[in-house]
């Protein structure tokens, strides 16, 4: 027989998936929330093709926002550029080379923006 102190509730039909650490629903879990390290206050805009079969994407790193605000910013930037994109590990990825368009948009938000890379 399994020891209950080792395991715990994994799924509840009432609340869905449960966090094994704190026992709360995964949407409300605070124990596994990864904290992003504090940056140097500079938002960097770069272009990268590595691992994308030659297709270029524009990366926006160092934005001092939490995950929810970062997704909202990414959505507005994608709309301004007219392209797709995503947010991965605190980095906004916008499809295509959009550096010339993104730098003034981010500077208008009041951040120090630098183009990095080639």
Protein backbone atom coordinates (compact mmCIF):
# COMPACT_ATOMS: atom_id res chain seq x y z
CA UNK A 1 0.00 0.00 0.00
CA UNK A 2 1.32 3.45 -0.92
CA UNK A 3 2.23 5.95 1.77
CA UNK A 4 -0.10 8.99 1.44
CA UNK A 5 2.53 11.46 2.66
CA UNK A 6 4.74 10.64 -0.35
CA UNK A 7 2.04 10.99 -3.01
CA UNK A 8 -0.98 13.19 -2.95
CA UNK A 9 -3.85 14.27 -5.10
CA UNK A 10 -2.83 14.38 -8.77
CA UNK A 11 -6.12 15.22 -10.49
CA UNK A 12 -9.46 16.38 -9.23
CA UNK A 13 -12.64 16.44 -11.31
CA UNK A 14 -13.58 19.57 -9.41
CA UNK A 15 -10.41 21.61 -10.06
CA UNK A 16 -8.33 19.74 -12.69
CA UNK A 17 -4.58 19.15 -12.35
CA UNK A 18 -3.10 19.63 -8.90
CA UNK A 19 0.42 20.77 -7.96
CA UNK A 20 2.31 17.99 -6.14
CA UNK A 21 4.28 20.55 -4.13
CA UNK A 22 1.61 22.72 -2.55
CA UNK A 23 -1.58 20.72 -3.32
CA UNK A 24 -3.32 23.66 -5.00
CA UNK A 25 -4.67 23.67 -8.55
CA UNK A 26 -1.89 24.21 -11.12
CA UNK A 27 -3.40 27.56 -12.19
CA UNK A 28 -3.10 28.86 -8.61
CA UNK A 29 0.25 27.25 -7.77
CA UNK A 30 2.95 29.62 -6.54
CA UNK A 31 5.61 27.12 -5.48
CA UNK A 32 6.77 26.23 -9.01
CA UNK A 33 6.58 29.74 -10.51
CA UNK A 34 9.99 30.37 -12.05
CA UNK A 35 11.40 33.78 -11.26
CA UNK A 36 13.21 35.59 -14.03
CA UNK A 37 16.53 37.10 -12.99
CA UNK A 38 16.61 40.88 -12.86
CA UNK A 39 18.17 42.28 -16.00
CA UNK A 40 20.37 45.31 -16.53
CA UNK A 41 17.47 47.55 -17.59
CA UNK A 42 18.21 47.36 -21.31
CA UNK A 43 15.77 45.83 -23.78
CA UNK A 44 17.69 44.09 -26.56
CA UNK A 45 16.29 43.48 -30.04
CA UNK A 46 18.15 40.93 -32.16
CA UNK A 47 17.64 38.65 -35.15
CA UNK A 48 18.26 34.91 -35.07
CA UNK A 49 17.95 32.01 -37.52
CA UNK A 50 19.51 29.21 -35.48
CA UNK A 51 17.36 26.07 -35.34
CA UNK A 52 14.68 27.46 -37.63
CA UNK A 53 15.77 26.07 -41.01
CA UNK A 54 17.03 29.46 -42.19
CA UNK A 55 13.88 31.36 -41.27
CA UNK A 56 14.69 34.49 -39.29
CA UNK A 57 12.92 35.69 -36.17
CA UNK A 58 13.33 38.87 -34.16
CA UNK A 59 14.02 38.33 -30.46
CA UNK A 60 13.12 40.90 -27.80
CA UNK A 61 14.87 40.19 -24.49
CA UNK A 62 15.23 42.01 -21.19
CA UNK A 63 11.69 43.40 -21.00
CA UNK A 64 10.96 44.10 -17.30
CA UNK A 65 7.41 42.70 -17.22
CA UNK A 66 5.78 39.66 -15.67
CA UNK A 67 4.50 36.79 -17.82
CA UNK A 68 0.95 38.09 -18.27
CA UNK A 69 2.05 41.60 -19.26
CA UNK A 70 4.74 40.15 -21.52
CA UNK A 71 2.13 38.16 -23.45
CA UNK A 72 -0.02 41.28 -23.82
CA UNK A 73 2.99 43.25 -25.11
CA UNK A 74 3.84 40.45 -27.55
CA UNK A 75 0.28 40.48 -28.84
CA UNK A 76 0.38 44.22 -29.52
CA UNK A 77 3.83 43.98 -31.17
CA UNK A 78 2.66 41.16 -33.41
CA UNK A 79 -0.36 43.22 -34.43
CA UNK A 80 1.82 46.25 -35.25
CA UNK A 81 4.18 44.08 -37.34
CA UNK A 82 1.39 42.09 -38.98
CA UNK A 83 3.15 38.80 -38.27
CA UNK A 84 3.01 35.90 -35.88
CA UNK A 85 5.16 35.16 -32.89
CA UNK A 86 5.30 33.75 -29.39
CA UNK A 87 6.69 34.20 -25.88
CA UNK A 88 9.19 31.58 -24.70
CA UNK A 89 11.06 31.77 -21.39
CA UNK A 90 10.61 35.52 -21.06
CA UNK A 91 11.74 36.21 -24.65
CA UNK A 92 9.36 37.61 -27.26
CA UNK A 93 9.85 36.02 -30.70
CA UNK A 94 8.39 37.86 -33.70
CA UNK A 95 8.51 36.20 -37.11
CA UNK A 96 10.70 37.87 -39.72
CA UNK A 97 13.23 40.70 -39.48
CA UNK A 98 11.18 43.36 -37.68
CA UNK A 99 14.00 45.18 -35.84
CA UNK A 100 13.51 48.51 -37.60
CA UNK A 101 9.84 48.55 -36.66
CA UNK A 102 10.17 47.24 -33.08
CA UNK A 103 12.91 49.55 -31.78
CA UNK A 104 10.83 52.78 -32.01
CA UNK A 105 7.76 51.00 -30.59
CA UNK A 106 9.69 49.82 -27.53
CA UNK A 107 11.41 53.19 -27.05
CA UNK A 108 7.96 54.82 -27.02
CA UNK A 109 7.15 52.66 -23.98
CA UNK A 110 10.01 54.38 -22.11
CA UNK A 111 12.62 51.62 -22.14
CA UNK A 112 16.27 51.85 -23.17
CA UNK A 113 16.43 49.77 -26.36
CA UNK A 114 19.53 48.48 -28.12
CA UNK A 115 19.93 46.49 -31.31
CA UNK A 116 22.17 43.52 -30.66
CA UNK A 117 23.68 41.06 -33.09
CA UNK A 118 24.34 41.68 -36.77
